C-alpha atoms as a PDB file:
ATOM      1  CA  MET A   1      -0.021   0.204  -0.420  1.00  0.00           C
ATOM      2  CA  PRO A   2       1.335   3.730  -0.959  1.00  0.00           C
ATOM      3  CA  TYR A   3       2.464   6.133   1.998  1.00  0.00           C
ATOM      4  CA  VAL A   4       1.103   9.916   1.665  1.00  0.00           C
ATOM      5  CA  ASP A   5       2.383  13.096   3.360  1.00  0.00           C
ATOM      6  CA  GLY A   6      -0.362  15.084   4.545  1.00  0.00           C
ATOM      7  CA  PHE A   7       0.176  19.278   5.101  1.00  0.00           C
ATOM      8  CA  ILE A   8      -2.206  21.831   5.506  1.00  0.00           C
ATOM      9  CA  VAL A   9      -1.695  25.242   5.627  1.00  0.00           C
ATOM     10  CA  ALA A  10      -2.983  28.787   5.695  1.00  0.00           C
ATOM     11  CA  VAL A  11      -2.065  30.921   3.184  1.00  0.00           C
ATOM     12  CA  GLN A  12      -3.260  34.888   2.889  1.00  0.00           C
ATOM     13  CA  LYS A  13      -4.974  35.824   0.540  1.00  0.00           C
ATOM     14  CA  ASP A  14      -3.017  38.417  -1.694  1.00  0.00           C
ATOM     15  CA  LYS A  15      -0.351  35.407  -1.896  1.00  0.00           C
ATOM     16  CA  ILE A  16      -1.980  32.444  -3.194  1.00  0.00           C
ATOM     17  CA  GLU A  17      -0.399  32.977  -6.325  1.00  0.00           C
ATOM     18  CA  ALA A  18       3.233  32.996  -5.177  1.00  0.00           C
ATOM     19  CA  TYR A  19       1.934  30.027  -3.083  1.00  0.00           C
ATOM     20  CA  LYS A  20       0.971  27.801  -6.668  1.00  0.00           C
ATOM     21  CA  ALA A  21       3.834  29.371  -8.013  1.00  0.00           C
ATOM     22  CA  LEU A  22       6.130  27.393  -5.020  1.00  0.00           C
ATOM     23  CA  ALA A  23       3.631  24.547  -5.541  1.00  0.00           C
ATOM     24  CA  ARG A  24       4.440  24.305  -9.183  1.00  0.00           C
ATOM     25  CA  THR A  25       8.568  24.033  -8.409  1.00  0.00           C
ATOM     26  CA  ALA A  26       7.718  21.619  -5.675  1.00  0.00           C
ATOM     27  CA  GLY A  27       5.451  19.587  -7.528  1.00  0.00           C
ATOM     28  CA  GLU A  28       7.879  18.910 -10.284  1.00  0.00           C
ATOM     29  CA  VAL A  29      10.949  18.369  -7.590  1.00  0.00           C
ATOM     30  CA  TRP A  30       9.189  16.183  -5.603  1.00  0.00           C
ATOM     31  CA  LYS A  31       7.642  14.170  -8.928  1.00  0.00           C
ATOM     32  CA  ASP A  32      11.546  14.345 -10.592  1.00  0.00           C
ATOM     33  CA  HIS A  33      12.865  12.206  -7.397  1.00  0.00           C
ATOM     34  CA  GLY A  34       9.819   9.684  -7.158  1.00  0.00           C
ATOM     35  CA  ALA A  35       6.691  10.382  -5.633  1.00  0.00           C
ATOM     36  CA  LEU A  36       3.522   9.071  -8.074  1.00  0.00           C
ATOM     37  CA  ALA A  37       1.784  11.552  -6.873  1.00  0.00           C
ATOM     38  CA  TYR A  38       1.589  15.428  -5.396  1.00  0.00           C
ATOM     39  CA  VAL A  39      -1.673  17.340  -5.267  1.00  0.00           C
ATOM     40  CA  GLU A  40      -2.731  20.618  -3.975  1.00  0.00           C
ATOM     41  CA  CYS A  41      -6.072  21.918  -3.238  1.00  0.00           C
ATOM     42  CA  ILE A  42      -7.429  24.835  -2.144  1.00  0.00           C
ATOM     43  CA  GLY A  43     -10.218  25.217   0.166  1.00  0.00           C
ATOM     44  CA  ASP A  44     -13.547  26.225  -1.091  1.00  0.00           C
ATOM     45  CA  ASP A  45     -16.181  23.969   1.308  1.00  0.00           C
ATOM     46  CA  VAL A  46     -14.181  24.530   4.783  1.00  0.00           C
ATOM     47  CA  PRO A  47     -16.421  26.185   7.353  1.00  0.00           C
ATOM     48  CA  TYR A  48     -14.643  28.041  10.748  1.00  0.00           C
ATOM     49  CA  GLY A  49     -16.102  24.649  13.383  1.00  0.00           C
ATOM     50  CA  GLU A  50     -17.110  25.369  17.085  1.00  0.00           C
ATOM     51  CA  LEU A  51     -14.069  22.997  18.478  1.00  0.00           C
ATOM     52  CA  THR A  52     -12.951  21.745  15.057  1.00  0.00           C
ATOM     53  CA  SER A  53     -11.776  22.306  11.774  1.00  0.00           C
ATOM     54  CA  PHE A  54      -9.478  23.149   9.000  1.00  0.00           C
ATOM     55  CA  PRO A  55      -8.984  26.976   9.690  1.00  0.00           C
ATOM     56  CA  ARG A  56      -9.264  26.119  13.383  1.00  0.00           C
ATOM     57  CA  ALA A  57      -6.025  23.640  13.425  1.00  0.00           C
ATOM     58  CA  VAL A  58      -3.826  26.104  11.645  1.00  0.00           C
ATOM     59  CA  GLN A  59      -5.238  29.615  13.108  1.00  0.00           C
ATOM     60  CA  ALA A  60      -6.657  30.460   9.787  1.00  0.00           C
ATOM     61  CA  LYS A  61      -7.361  34.326   9.699  1.00  0.00           C
ATOM     62  CA  GLU A  62      -9.914  36.466   7.453  1.00  0.00           C
ATOM     63  CA  ASP A  63      -7.021  37.585   4.872  1.00  0.00           C
ATOM     64  CA  GLU A  64      -6.071  33.571   4.315  1.00  0.00           C
ATOM     65  CA  ILE A  65      -6.706  30.380   2.477  1.00  0.00           C
ATOM     66  CA  VAL A  66      -6.111  26.919   3.617  1.00  0.00           C
ATOM     67  CA  VAL A  67      -4.688  24.838   1.517  1.00  0.00           C
ATOM     68  CA  PHE A  68      -5.539  20.939   1.769  1.00  0.00           C
ATOM     69  CA  SER A  69      -1.853  18.973   0.149  1.00  0.00           C
ATOM     70  CA  TRP A  70      -0.456  15.215   0.431  1.00  0.00           C
ATOM     71  CA  ILE A  71       2.571  13.199  -1.451  1.00  0.00           C
ATOM     72  CA  ILE A  72       1.939   9.761  -2.515  1.00  0.00           C
ATOM     73  CA  TYR A  73       4.771   7.105  -2.242  1.00  0.00           C
ATOM     74  CA  GLU A  74       5.355   3.724  -2.999  1.00  0.00           C
ATOM     75  CA  SER A  75       6.404   3.036   0.596  1.00  0.00           C
ATOM     76  CA  ARG A  76       7.714   4.945   3.807  1.00  0.00           C
ATOM     77  CA  GLN A  77      11.765   3.573   2.724  1.00  0.00           C
ATOM     78  CA  GLU A  78      10.788   5.497  -0.672  1.00  0.00           C
ATOM     79  CA  ARG A  79       9.789   8.040   1.154  1.00  0.00           C
ATOM     80  CA  ASP A  80      12.475   8.833   3.426  1.00  0.00           C
ATOM     81  CA  ARG A  81      14.953   8.182   0.656  1.00  0.00           C
ATOM     82  CA  ILE A  82      12.677  11.104  -1.400  1.00  0.00           C
ATOM     83  CA  VAL A  83      12.505  12.893   1.280  1.00  0.00           C
ATOM     84  CA  ALA A  84      16.059  13.400   1.414  1.00  0.00           C
ATOM     85  CA  LYS A  85      16.797  14.624  -1.960  1.00  0.00           C
ATOM     86  CA  VAL A  86      14.360  17.053  -2.098  1.00  0.00           C
ATOM     87  CA  MET A  87      15.658  18.717   0.645  1.00  0.00           C
ATOM     88  CA  ALA A  88      18.519  18.821  -0.543  1.00  0.00           C
ATOM     89  CA  ASP A  89      17.488  20.113  -4.244  1.00  0.00           C
ATOM     90  CA  PRO A  90      18.681  24.261  -4.821  1.00  0.00           C
ATOM     91  CA  ARG A  91      15.497  24.686  -6.544  1.00  0.00           C
ATOM     92  CA  LEU A  92      13.300  25.067  -3.193  1.00  0.00           C
ATOM     93  CA  LYS A  93      15.639  26.471  -1.435  1.00  0.00           C
ATOM     94  CA  CYS A  94      14.508  29.894  -0.813  1.00  0.00           C
ATOM     95  CA  ASP A  95      14.387  32.308   2.591  1.00  0.00           C
ATOM     96  CA  PRO A  96      11.566  31.451   5.218  1.00  0.00           C
ATOM     97  CA  ALA A  97      11.047  35.140   4.826  1.00  0.00           C
ATOM     98  CA  ASP A  98       9.561  34.705   1.643  1.00  0.00           C
ATOM     99  CA  MET A  99       7.600  31.897   1.531  1.00  0.00           C
ATOM    100  CA  PRO A 100       4.042  32.607   1.147  1.00  0.00           C
ATOM    101  CA  PHE A 101       2.652  30.787   3.971  1.00  0.00           C
ATOM    102  CA  ASP A 102       3.550  30.265   7.551  1.00  0.00           C
ATOM    103  CA  GLY A 103       5.681  27.542   8.568  1.00  0.00           C
ATOM    104  CA  LYS A 104       4.954  27.895  12.747  1.00  0.00           C
ATOM    105  CA  ARG A 105       0.955  26.928  11.773  1.00  0.00           C
ATOM    106  CA  MET A 106       1.222  24.257   9.076  1.00  0.00           C
ATOM    107  CA  ILE A 107       0.322  20.757   9.994  1.00  0.00           C
ATOM    108  CA  TYR A 108       2.391  17.667   8.389  1.00  0.00           C
ATOM    109  CA  GLY A 109       2.509  14.026   9.526  1.00  0.00           C
ATOM    110  CA  GLY A 110       2.935  10.306   7.373  1.00  0.00           C
ATOM    111  CA  PHE A 111       0.441   8.159   6.411  1.00  0.00           C
ATOM    112  CA  GLU A 112       0.457   4.982   5.522  1.00  0.00           C
ATOM    113  CA  SER A 113      -1.979   3.542   3.944  1.00  0.00           C
ATOM    114  CA  PHE A 114      -5.266   0.833   5.328  1.00  0.00           C
ATOM    115  CA  LEU A 115      -7.102   0.686   2.644  1.00  0.00           C
ATOM    116  CA  GLN A 116      -7.808   1.977  -1.326  1.00  0.00           C
ATOM    117  CA  ILE A 117     -10.984   1.463  -3.578  1.00  0.00           C
END
């Protein structure tokens, strides 16, 4: 079964085009190093919940939009190998101050697939 990394970030609405450009580059880098799929989704129906919600999870502000992303790998071992190469790839080197999202509020994790229909 595939291994999946999942991410949720809050992106300022006026920086969404910069985020999309970064995502396109990142997707190319991940795929070049062996990821099976790279997906980025802009929140369209993500209401602010009373207790839990995507916006609450990333402390999204009024001028921000939630982005949900995932990357699929053949296995956890392939993921670890690919991520090491991605982190060393010069195409993704940038000043953290220039990022179109606040990395401190990013939620991410790795998941083992157990069902695929």
